[in-house]
Amino acid sequence: MADFANVLARMTNRPVIDRTGLPGSFDLDLQFSPTGLPGAAPAGPDRSSSDDDRPSLFTALQEQLGLKLESTRTGVDVLVIDRAERPLPD
């Protein structure tokens, strides 16, 4: 589930923390429309009409997998680089 949370984080451009407590590996099949997700191609005439029939990512997670993304405030680890210097030659 931690790997799936990482995939969801990349898809939503937001941190996703796995709080399911489910260990192990899973084979997931999730059908959803990418419309509205950051980086998704804009809807247009060249888009498949089957995308319109699919639910949003958030609805699909809840209906198909029984998972729910909740927006909360929490601490996350962040890497801060104060400065960078070129290495000195030997």
PDB file of N, CA and C in Angstrom:
ATOM      1  N   MET A   1       0.817  -1.193   0.000  1.00  0.00           N
ATOM      2  CA  MET A   1       0.000   0.000   0.000  1.00  0.00           C
ATOM      3  C   MET A   1       0.863   1.260   0.000  1.00  0.00           C
ATOM      4  N   ALA A   2       2.047   1.171   0.584  1.00  0.00           N
ATOM      5  CA  ALA A   2       2.932   2.336   0.593  1.00  0.00           C
ATOM      6  C   ALA A   2       3.333   2.710  -0.834  1.00  0.00           C
ATOM      7  N   ASP A   3       3.587   1.713  -1.680  1.00  0.00           N
ATOM      8  CA  ASP A   3       3.928   1.977  -3.086  1.00  0.00           C
ATOM      9  C   ASP A   3       2.737   2.609  -3.806  1.00  0.00           C
ATOM     10  N   PHE A   4       1.543   2.127  -3.516  1.00  0.00           N
ATOM     11  CA  PHE A   4       0.334   2.684  -4.125  1.00  0.00           C
ATOM     12  C   PHE A   4       0.137   4.135  -3.680  1.00  0.00           C
ATOM     13  N   ALA A   5       0.427   4.432  -2.419  1.00  0.00           N
ATOM     14  CA  ALA A   5       0.344   5.808  -1.921  1.00  0.00           C
ATOM     15  C   ALA A   5       1.317   6.702  -2.678  1.00  0.00           C
ATOM     16  N   ASN A   6       2.503   6.196  -2.990  1.00  0.00           N
ATOM     17  CA  ASN A   6       3.477   6.967  -3.767  1.00  0.00           C
ATOM     18  C   ASN A   6       2.970   7.240  -5.179  1.00  0.00           C
ATOM     19  N   VAL A   7       2.313   6.273  -5.781  1.00  0.00           N
ATOM     20  CA  VAL A   7       1.737   6.460  -7.119  1.00  0.00           C
ATOM     21  C   VAL A   7       0.642   7.529  -7.057  1.00  0.00           C
ATOM     22  N   LEU A   8      -0.207   7.451  -6.049  1.00  0.00           N
ATOM     23  CA  LEU A   8      -1.272   8.442  -5.898  1.00  0.00           C
ATOM     24  C   LEU A   8      -0.695   9.837  -5.669  1.00  0.00           C
ATOM     25  N   ALA A   9       0.400   9.920  -4.937  1.00  0.00           N
ATOM     26  CA  ALA A   9       1.045  11.212  -4.690  1.00  0.00           C
ATOM     27  C   ALA A   9       1.537  11.824  -5.996  1.00  0.00           C
ATOM     28  N   ARG A  10       2.131  11.004  -6.859  1.00  0.00           N
ATOM     29  CA  ARG A  10       2.604  11.514  -8.149  1.00  0.00           C
ATOM     30  C   ARG A  10       1.429  11.934  -9.035  1.00  0.00           C
ATOM     31  N   MET A  11       0.338  11.197  -8.972  1.00  0.00           N
ATOM     32  CA  MET A  11      -0.820  11.505  -9.804  1.00  0.00           C
ATOM     33  C   MET A  11      -1.534  12.779  -9.354  1.00  0.00           C
ATOM     34  N   THR A  12      -1.560  13.035  -8.070  1.00  0.00           N
ATOM     35  CA  THR A  12      -2.298  14.174  -7.536  1.00  0.00           C
ATOM     36  C   THR A  12      -1.412  15.384  -7.240  1.00  0.00           C
ATOM     37  N   ASN A  13      -0.100  15.204  -7.335  1.00  0.00           N
ATOM     38  CA  ASN A  13       0.861  16.263  -6.981  1.00  0.00           C
ATOM     39  C   ASN A  13       0.683  16.737  -5.543  1.00  0.00           C
ATOM     40  N   ARG A  14       0.337  15.806  -4.659  1.00  0.00           N
ATOM     41  CA  ARG A  14       0.184  16.098  -3.238  1.00  0.00           C
ATOM     42  C   ARG A  14       0.743  14.929  -2.449  1.00  0.00           C
ATOM     43  N   PRO A  15       1.243  15.176  -1.251  1.00  0.00           N
ATOM     44  CA  PRO A  15       1.729  14.056  -0.433  1.00  0.00           C
ATOM     45  C   PRO A  15       0.567  13.135  -0.061  1.00  0.00           C
ATOM     46  N   VAL A  16       0.792  11.833  -0.161  1.00  0.00           N
ATOM     47  CA  VAL A  16      -0.211  10.845   0.246  1.00  0.00           C
ATOM     48  C   VAL A  16       0.461   9.916   1.244  1.00  0.00           C
ATOM     49  N   ILE A  17      -0.120   9.806   2.424  1.00  0.00           N
ATOM     50  CA  ILE A  17       0.432   8.993   3.499  1.00  0.00           C
ATOM     51  C   ILE A  17      -0.441   7.756   3.672  1.00  0.00           C
ATOM     52  N   ASP A  18       0.185   6.588   3.646  1.00  0.00           N
ATOM     53  CA  ASP A  18      -0.539   5.324   3.817  1.00  0.00           C
ATOM     54  C   ASP A  18      -0.872   5.127   5.294  1.00  0.00           C
ATOM     55  N   ARG A  19      -2.155   5.189   5.612  1.00  0.00           N
ATOM     56  CA  ARG A  19      -2.614   4.926   6.978  1.00  0.00           C
ATOM     57  C   ARG A  19      -3.537   3.714   7.030  1.00  0.00           C
ATOM     58  N   THR A  20      -3.450   2.870   6.006  1.00  0.00           N
ATOM     59  CA  THR A  20      -4.325   1.698   5.969  1.00  0.00           C
ATOM     60  C   THR A  20      -3.878   0.624   6.952  1.00  0.00           C
ATOM     61  N   GLY A  21      -2.572   0.528   7.173  1.00  0.00           N
ATOM     62  CA  GLY A  21      -2.058  -0.533   8.028  1.00  0.00           C
ATOM     63  C   GLY A  21      -2.078  -1.894   7.353  1.00  0.00           C
ATOM     64  N   LEU A  22      -2.304  -1.921   6.044  1.00  0.00           N
ATOM     65  CA  LEU A  22      -2.364  -3.186   5.306  1.00  0.00           C
ATOM     66  C   LEU A  22      -0.973  -3.567   4.811  1.00  0.00           C
ATOM     67  N   PRO A  23      -0.418  -4.675   5.310  1.00  0.00           N
ATOM     68  CA  PRO A  23       0.898  -5.117   4.841  1.00  0.00           C
ATOM     69  C   PRO A  23       0.762  -5.974   3.582  1.00  0.00           C
ATOM     70  N   GLY A  24       1.860  -6.188   2.914  1.00  0.00           N
ATOM     71  CA  GLY A  24       1.871  -7.111   1.784  1.00  0.00           C
ATOM     72  C   GLY A  24       1.678  -6.423   0.452  1.00  0.00           C
ATOM     73  N   SER A  25       1.614  -7.248  -0.583  1.00  0.00           N
ATOM     74  CA  SER A  25       1.451  -6.764  -1.953  1.00  0.00           C
ATOM     75  C   SER A  25       0.032  -7.004  -2.427  1.00  0.00           C
ATOM     76  N   PHE A  26      -0.429  -6.148  -3.322  1.00  0.00           N
ATOM     77  CA  PHE A  26      -1.781  -6.255  -3.855  1.00  0.00           C
ATOM     78  C   PHE A  26      -1.751  -6.063  -5.359  1.00  0.00           C
ATOM     79  N   ASP A  27      -2.660  -6.726  -6.055  1.00  0.00           N
ATOM     80  CA  ASP A  27      -2.841  -6.555  -7.487  1.00  0.00           C
ATOM     81  C   ASP A  27      -4.113  -5.738  -7.659  1.00  0.00           C
ATOM     82  N   LEU A  28      -3.961  -4.441  -8.027  1.00  0.00           N
ATOM     83  CA  LEU A  28      -5.095  -3.532  -8.097  1.00  0.00           C
ATOM     84  C   LEU A  28      -5.480  -3.257  -9.533  1.00  0.00           C
ATOM     85  N   ASP A  29      -6.774  -3.155  -9.780  1.00  0.00           N
ATOM     86  CA  ASP A  29      -7.297  -2.752 -11.076  1.00  0.00           C
ATOM     87  C   ASP A  29      -8.259  -1.608 -10.805  1.00  0.00           C
ATOM     88  N   LEU A  30      -7.875  -0.396 -11.184  1.00  0.00           N
ATOM     89  CA  LEU A  30      -8.656   0.793 -10.886  1.00  0.00           C
ATOM     90  C   LEU A  30      -9.003   1.490 -12.187  1.00  0.00           C
ATOM     91  N   GLN A  31     -10.286   1.635 -12.466  1.00  0.00           N
ATOM     92  CA  GLN A  31     -10.757   2.290 -13.678  1.00  0.00           C
ATOM     93  C   GLN A  31     -11.273   3.672 -13.313  1.00  0.00           C
ATOM     94  N   PHE A  32     -10.639   4.732 -13.863  1.00  0.00           N
ATOM     95  CA  PHE A  32     -11.059   6.095 -13.551  1.00  0.00           C
ATOM     96  C   PHE A  32     -10.730   7.020 -14.713  1.00  0.00           C
ATOM     97  N   SER A  33     -11.335   8.197 -14.687  1.00  0.00           N
ATOM     98  CA  SER A  33     -11.063   9.218 -15.688  1.00  0.00           C
ATOM     99  C   SER A  33      -9.975  10.141 -15.171  1.00  0.00           C
ATOM    100  N   PRO A  34      -8.929  10.388 -15.962  1.00  0.00           N
ATOM    101  CA  PRO A  34      -7.854  11.278 -15.520  1.00  0.00           C
ATOM    102  C   PRO A  34      -8.234  12.756 -15.577  1.00  0.00           C
ATOM    103  N   THR A  35      -9.406  13.073 -16.091  1.00  0.00           N
ATOM    104  CA  THR A  35      -9.833  14.458 -16.188  1.00  0.00           C
ATOM    105  C   THR A  35      -9.810  15.120 -14.818  1.00  0.00           C
ATOM    106  N   GLY A  36      -9.212  16.288 -14.754  1.00  0.00           N
ATOM    107  CA  GLY A  36      -9.147  17.031 -13.508  1.00  0.00           C
ATOM    108  C   GLY A  36      -7.890  16.791 -12.697  1.00  0.00           C
ATOM    109  N   LEU A  37      -7.098  15.788 -13.061  1.00  0.00           N
ATOM    110  CA  LEU A  37      -5.850  15.535 -12.351  1.00  0.00           C
ATOM    111  C   LEU A  37      -4.754  16.441 -12.894  1.00  0.00           C
ATOM    112  N   PRO A  38      -3.833  16.879 -12.034  1.00  0.00           N
ATOM    113  CA  PRO A  38      -2.726  17.699 -12.523  1.00  0.00           C
ATOM    114  C   PRO A  38      -1.931  16.941 -13.589  1.00  0.00           C
ATOM    115  N   GLY A  39      -1.635  17.603 -14.684  1.00  0.00           N
ATOM    116  CA  GLY A  39      -0.854  16.982 -15.747  1.00  0.00           C
ATOM    117  C   GLY A  39      -1.664  16.155 -16.721  1.00  0.00           C
ATOM    118  N   ALA A  40      -2.960  16.022 -16.474  1.00  0.00           N
ATOM    119  CA  ALA A  40      -3.807  15.247 -17.398  1.00  0.00           C
ATOM    120  C   ALA A  40      -4.049  16.071 -18.654  1.00  0.00           C
ATOM    121  N   ALA A  41      -4.150  15.383 -19.766  1.00  0.00           N
ATOM    122  CA  ALA A  41      -4.433  16.074 -21.023  1.00  0.00           C
ATOM    123  C   ALA A  41      -5.816  16.705 -20.939  1.00  0.00           C
ATOM    124  N   PRO A  42      -5.975  17.913 -21.469  1.00  0.00           N
ATOM    125  CA  PRO A  42      -7.284  18.553 -21.418  1.00  0.00           C
ATOM    126  C   PRO A  42      -8.308  17.771 -22.235  1.00  0.00           C
ATOM    127  N   ALA A  43      -9.551  17.825 -21.787  1.00  0.00           N
ATOM    128  CA  ALA A  43     -10.621  17.140 -22.506  1.00  0.00           C
ATOM    129  C   ALA A  43     -10.790  17.787 -23.872  1.00  0.00           C
ATOM    130  N   GLY A  44     -11.016  16.975 -24.865  1.00  0.00           N
ATOM    131  CA  GLY A  44     -11.174  17.503 -26.215  1.00  0.00           C
ATOM    132  C   GLY A  44     -11.806  16.460 -27.103  1.00  0.00           C
ATOM    133  N   PRO A  45     -12.016  16.793 -28.367  1.00  0.00           N
ATOM    134  CA  PRO A  45     -12.675  15.846 -29.273  1.00  0.00           C
ATOM    135  C   PRO A  45     -11.854  14.594 -29.538  1.00  0.00           C
ATOM    136  N   ASP A  46     -10.520  14.659 -29.353  1.00  0.00           N
ATOM    137  CA  ASP A  46      -9.683  13.484 -29.605  1.00  0.00           C
ATOM    138  C   ASP A  46      -9.644  12.535 -28.421  1.00  0.00           C
ATOM    139  N   ARG A  47     -10.219  12.937 -27.293  1.00  0.00           N
ATOM    140  CA  ARG A  47     -10.236  12.080 -26.107  1.00  0.00           C
ATOM    141  C   ARG A  47     -11.283  10.977 -26.281  1.00  0.00           C
ATOM    142  N   SER A  48     -11.019   9.824 -25.716  1.00  0.00           N
ATOM    143  CA  SER A  48     -11.945   8.698 -25.806  1.00  0.00           C
ATOM    144  C   SER A  48     -13.222   9.012 -25.033  1.00  0.00           C
ATOM    145  N   SER A  49     -14.363   8.660 -25.607  1.00  0.00           N
ATOM    146  CA  SER A  49     -15.638   8.905 -24.908  1.00  0.00           C
ATOM    147  C   SER A  49     -15.784   7.984 -23.707  1.00  0.00           C
ATOM    148  N   SER A  50     -14.999   6.884 -23.660  1.00  0.00           N
ATOM    149  CA  SER A  50     -15.086   5.982 -22.505  1.00  0.00           C
ATOM    150  C   SER A  50     -14.553   6.645 -21.244  1.00  0.00           C
ATOM    151  N   ASP A  51     -13.644   7.658 -21.397  1.00  0.00           N
ATOM    152  CA  ASP A  51     -13.148   8.394 -20.236  1.00  0.00           C
ATOM    153  C   ASP A  51     -14.280   9.150 -19.550  1.00  0.00           C
ATOM    154  N   ASP A  52     -15.243   9.628 -20.341  1.00  0.00           N
ATOM    155  CA  ASP A  52     -16.366  10.370 -19.774  1.00  0.00           C
ATOM    156  C   ASP A  52     -17.248   9.481 -18.922  1.00  0.00           C
ATOM    157  N   ASP A  53     -17.267   8.189 -19.205  1.00  0.00           N
ATOM    158  CA  ASP A  53     -18.113   7.252 -18.468  1.00  0.00           C
ATOM    159  C   ASP A  53     -17.471   6.795 -17.164  1.00  0.00           C
ATOM    160  N   ARG A  54     -16.194   7.030 -17.005  1.00  0.00           N
ATOM    161  CA  ARG A  54     -15.482   6.573 -15.818  1.00  0.00           C
ATOM    162  C   ARG A  54     -15.580   7.616 -14.707  1.00  0.00           C
ATOM    163  N   PRO A  55     -15.547   7.155 -13.447  1.00  0.00           N
ATOM    164  CA  PRO A  55     -15.596   8.096 -12.327  1.00  0.00           C
ATOM    165  C   PRO A  55     -14.252   8.792 -12.129  1.00  0.00           C
ATOM    166  N   SER A  56     -14.242   9.833 -11.312  1.00  0.00           N
ATOM    167  CA  SER A  56     -12.997  10.504 -10.970  1.00  0.00           C
ATOM    168  C   SER A  56     -12.123   9.550 -10.160  1.00  0.00           C
ATOM    169  N   LEU A  57     -10.853   9.890 -10.014  1.00  0.00           N
ATOM    170  CA  LEU A  57      -9.938   9.061  -9.235  1.00  0.00           C
ATOM    171  C   LEU A  57     -10.450   8.860  -7.814  1.00  0.00           C
ATOM    172  N   PHE A  58     -10.925   9.931  -7.199  1.00  0.00           N
ATOM    173  CA  PHE A  58     -11.345   9.876  -5.801  1.00  0.00           C
ATOM    174  C   PHE A  58     -12.590   9.004  -5.619  1.00  0.00           C
ATOM    175  N   THR A  59     -13.533   9.107  -6.555  1.00  0.00           N
ATOM    176  CA  THR A  59     -14.732   8.266  -6.510  1.00  0.00           C
ATOM    177  C   THR A  59     -14.376   6.811  -6.779  1.00  0.00           C
ATOM    178  N   ALA A  60     -13.504   6.568  -7.749  1.00  0.00           N
ATOM    179  CA  ALA A  60     -13.096   5.200  -8.090  1.00  0.00           C
ATOM    180  C   ALA A  60     -12.385   4.532  -6.920  1.00  0.00           C
ATOM    181  N   LEU A  61     -11.527   5.259  -6.229  1.00  0.00           N
ATOM    182  CA  LEU A  61     -10.840   4.687  -5.063  1.00  0.00           C
ATOM    183  C   LEU A  61     -11.845   4.194  -4.027  1.00  0.00           C
ATOM    184  N   GLN A  62     -12.857   5.003  -3.781  1.00  0.00           N
ATOM    185  CA  GLN A  62     -13.830   4.641  -2.754  1.00  0.00           C
ATOM    186  C   GLN A  62     -14.766   3.526  -3.215  1.00  0.00           C
ATOM    187  N   GLU A  63     -15.270   3.620  -4.433  1.00  0.00           N
ATOM    188  CA  GLU A  63     -16.245   2.638  -4.910  1.00  0.00           C
ATOM    189  C   GLU A  63     -15.608   1.300  -5.288  1.00  0.00           C
ATOM    190  N   GLN A  64     -14.423   1.328  -5.918  1.00  0.00           N
ATOM    191  CA  GLN A  64     -13.831   0.102  -6.428  1.00  0.00           C
ATOM    192  C   GLN A  64     -12.883  -0.580  -5.443  1.00  0.00           C
ATOM    193  N   LEU A  65     -12.212   0.208  -4.593  1.00  0.00           N
ATOM    194  CA  LEU A  65     -11.224  -0.374  -3.683  1.00  0.00           C
ATOM    195  C   LEU A  65     -11.577  -0.194  -2.213  1.00  0.00           C
ATOM    196  N   GLY A  66     -12.593   0.605  -1.920  1.00  0.00           N
ATOM    197  CA  GLY A  66     -12.959   0.843  -0.523  1.00  0.00           C
ATOM    198  C   GLY A  66     -11.957   1.718   0.202  1.00  0.00           C
ATOM    199  N   LEU A  67     -11.187   2.524  -0.545  1.00  0.00           N
ATOM    200  CA  LEU A  67     -10.198   3.420   0.045  1.00  0.00           C
ATOM    201  C   LEU A  67     -10.678   4.851  -0.106  1.00  0.00           C
ATOM    202  N   LYS A  68     -10.261   5.712   0.808  1.00  0.00           N
ATOM    203  CA  LYS A  68     -10.686   7.104   0.759  1.00  0.00           C
ATOM    204  C   LYS A  68      -9.488   8.014   0.990  1.00  0.00           C
ATOM    205  N   LEU A  69      -9.339   8.998   0.131  1.00  0.00           N
ATOM    206  CA  LEU A  69      -8.312  10.014   0.329  1.00  0.00           C
ATOM    207  C   LEU A  69      -8.931  11.150   1.135  1.00  0.00           C
ATOM    208  N   GLU A  70      -8.331  11.435   2.275  1.00  0.00           N
ATOM    209  CA  GLU A  70      -8.821  12.519   3.118  1.00  0.00           C
ATOM    210  C   GLU A  70      -7.746  13.593   3.212  1.00  0.00           C
ATOM    211  N   SER A  71      -8.149  14.834   3.067  1.00  0.00           N
ATOM    212  CA  SER A  71      -7.222  15.949   3.183  1.00  0.00           C
ATOM    213  C   SER A  71      -7.096  16.330   4.658  1.00  0.00           C
ATOM    214  N   THR A  72      -5.878  16.220   5.187  1.00  0.00           N
ATOM    215  CA  THR A  72      -5.612  16.585   6.571  1.00  0.00           C
ATOM    216  C   THR A  72      -4.285  17.318   6.644  1.00  0.00           C
ATOM    217  N   ARG A  73      -4.041  17.920   7.778  1.00  0.00           N
ATOM    218  CA  ARG A  73      -2.745  18.559   8.013  1.00  0.00           C
ATOM    219  C   ARG A  73      -1.910  17.616   8.865  1.00  0.00           C
ATOM    220  N   THR A  74      -0.681  17.406   8.426  1.00  0.00           N
ATOM    221  CA  THR A  74       0.231  16.548   9.165  1.00  0.00           C
ATOM    222  C   THR A  74       1.661  16.931   8.795  1.00  0.00           C
ATOM    223  N   GLY A  75       2.587  16.491   9.574  1.00  0.00           N
ATOM    224  CA  GLY A  75       3.987  16.756   9.271  1.00  0.00           C
ATOM    225  C   GLY A  75       4.507  15.787   8.227  1.00  0.00           C
ATOM    226  N   VAL A  76       5.348  16.293   7.345  1.00  0.00           N
ATOM    227  CA  VAL A  76       5.993  15.447   6.347  1.00  0.00           C
ATOM    228  C   VAL A  76       7.477  15.784   6.333  1.00  0.00           C
ATOM    229  N   ASP A  77       8.304  14.814   6.004  1.00  0.00           N
ATOM    230  CA  ASP A  77       9.738  15.030   5.901  1.00  0.00           C
ATOM    231  C   ASP A  77      10.038  15.824   4.633  1.00  0.00           C
ATOM    232  N   VAL A  78      10.889  16.822   4.777  1.00  0.00           N
ATOM    233  CA  VAL A  78      11.269  17.663   3.648  1.00  0.00           C
ATOM    234  C   VAL A  78      12.779  17.805   3.648  1.00  0.00           C
ATOM    235  N   LEU A  79      13.391  17.699   2.480  1.00  0.00           N
ATOM    236  CA  LEU A  79      14.824  17.890   2.329  1.00  0.00           C
ATOM    237  C   LEU A  79      15.063  19.333   1.905  1.00  0.00           C
ATOM    238  N   VAL A  80      15.855  20.068   2.694  1.00  0.00           N
ATOM    239  CA  VAL A  80      16.167  21.457   2.395  1.00  0.00           C
ATOM    240  C   VAL A  80      17.657  21.558   2.108  1.00  0.00           C
ATOM    241  N   ILE A  81      18.018  22.140   0.964  1.00  0.00           N
ATOM    242  CA  ILE A  81      19.412  22.357   0.596  1.00  0.00           C
ATOM    243  C   ILE A  81      19.681  23.849   0.735  1.00  0.00           C
ATOM    244  N   ASP A  82      20.531  24.206   1.704  1.00  0.00           N
ATOM    245  CA  ASP A  82      20.838  25.616   1.944  1.00  0.00           C
ATOM    246  C   ASP A  82      21.741  26.197   0.873  1.00  0.00           C
ATOM    247  N   ARG A  83      22.735  25.425   0.447  1.00  0.00           N
ATOM    248  CA  ARG A  83      23.620  25.902  -0.605  1.00  0.00           C
ATOM    249  C   ARG A  83      24.343  24.701  -1.221  1.00  0.00           C
ATOM    250  N   ALA A  84      24.919  24.928  -2.390  1.00  0.00           N
ATOM    251  CA  ALA A  84      25.694  23.889  -3.076  1.00  0.00           C
ATOM    252  C   ALA A  84      26.959  24.533  -3.618  1.00  0.00           C
ATOM    253  N   GLU A  85      28.057  23.803  -3.544  1.00  0.00           N
ATOM    254  CA  GLU A  85      29.345  24.285  -4.046  1.00  0.00           C
ATOM    255  C   GLU A  85      29.960  23.231  -4.942  1.00  0.00           C
ATOM    256  N   ARG A  86      30.735  23.693  -5.904  1.00  0.00           N
ATOM    257  CA  ARG A  86      31.455  22.759  -6.761  1.00  0.00           C
ATOM    258  C   ARG A  86      32.569  22.113  -5.936  1.00  0.00           C
ATOM    259  N   PRO A  87      32.834  20.821  -6.165  1.00  0.00           N
ATOM    260  CA  PRO A  87      33.915  20.174  -5.439  1.00  0.00           C
ATOM    261  C   PRO A  87      35.285  20.712  -5.876  1.00  0.00           C
ATOM    262  N   LEU A  88      36.224  20.719  -4.962  1.00  0.00           N
ATOM    263  CA  LEU A  88      37.575  21.176  -5.273  1.00  0.00           C
ATOM    264  C   LEU A  88      38.335  20.065  -6.005  1.00  0.00           C
ATOM    265  N   PRO A  89      39.185  20.450  -6.975  1.00  0.00           N
ATOM    266  CA  PRO A  89      39.957  19.387  -7.668  1.00  0.00           C
ATOM    267  C   PRO A  89      40.971  18.769  -6.732  1.00  0.00           C
ATOM    268  N   ASP A  90      41.325  17.533  -6.951  1.00  0.00           N
ATOM    269  CA  ASP A  90      42.283  16.821  -6.115  1.00  0.00           C
ATOM    270  C   ASP A  90      43.683  17.326  -6.266  1.00  0.00           C
TER     271      ASP A  90
END
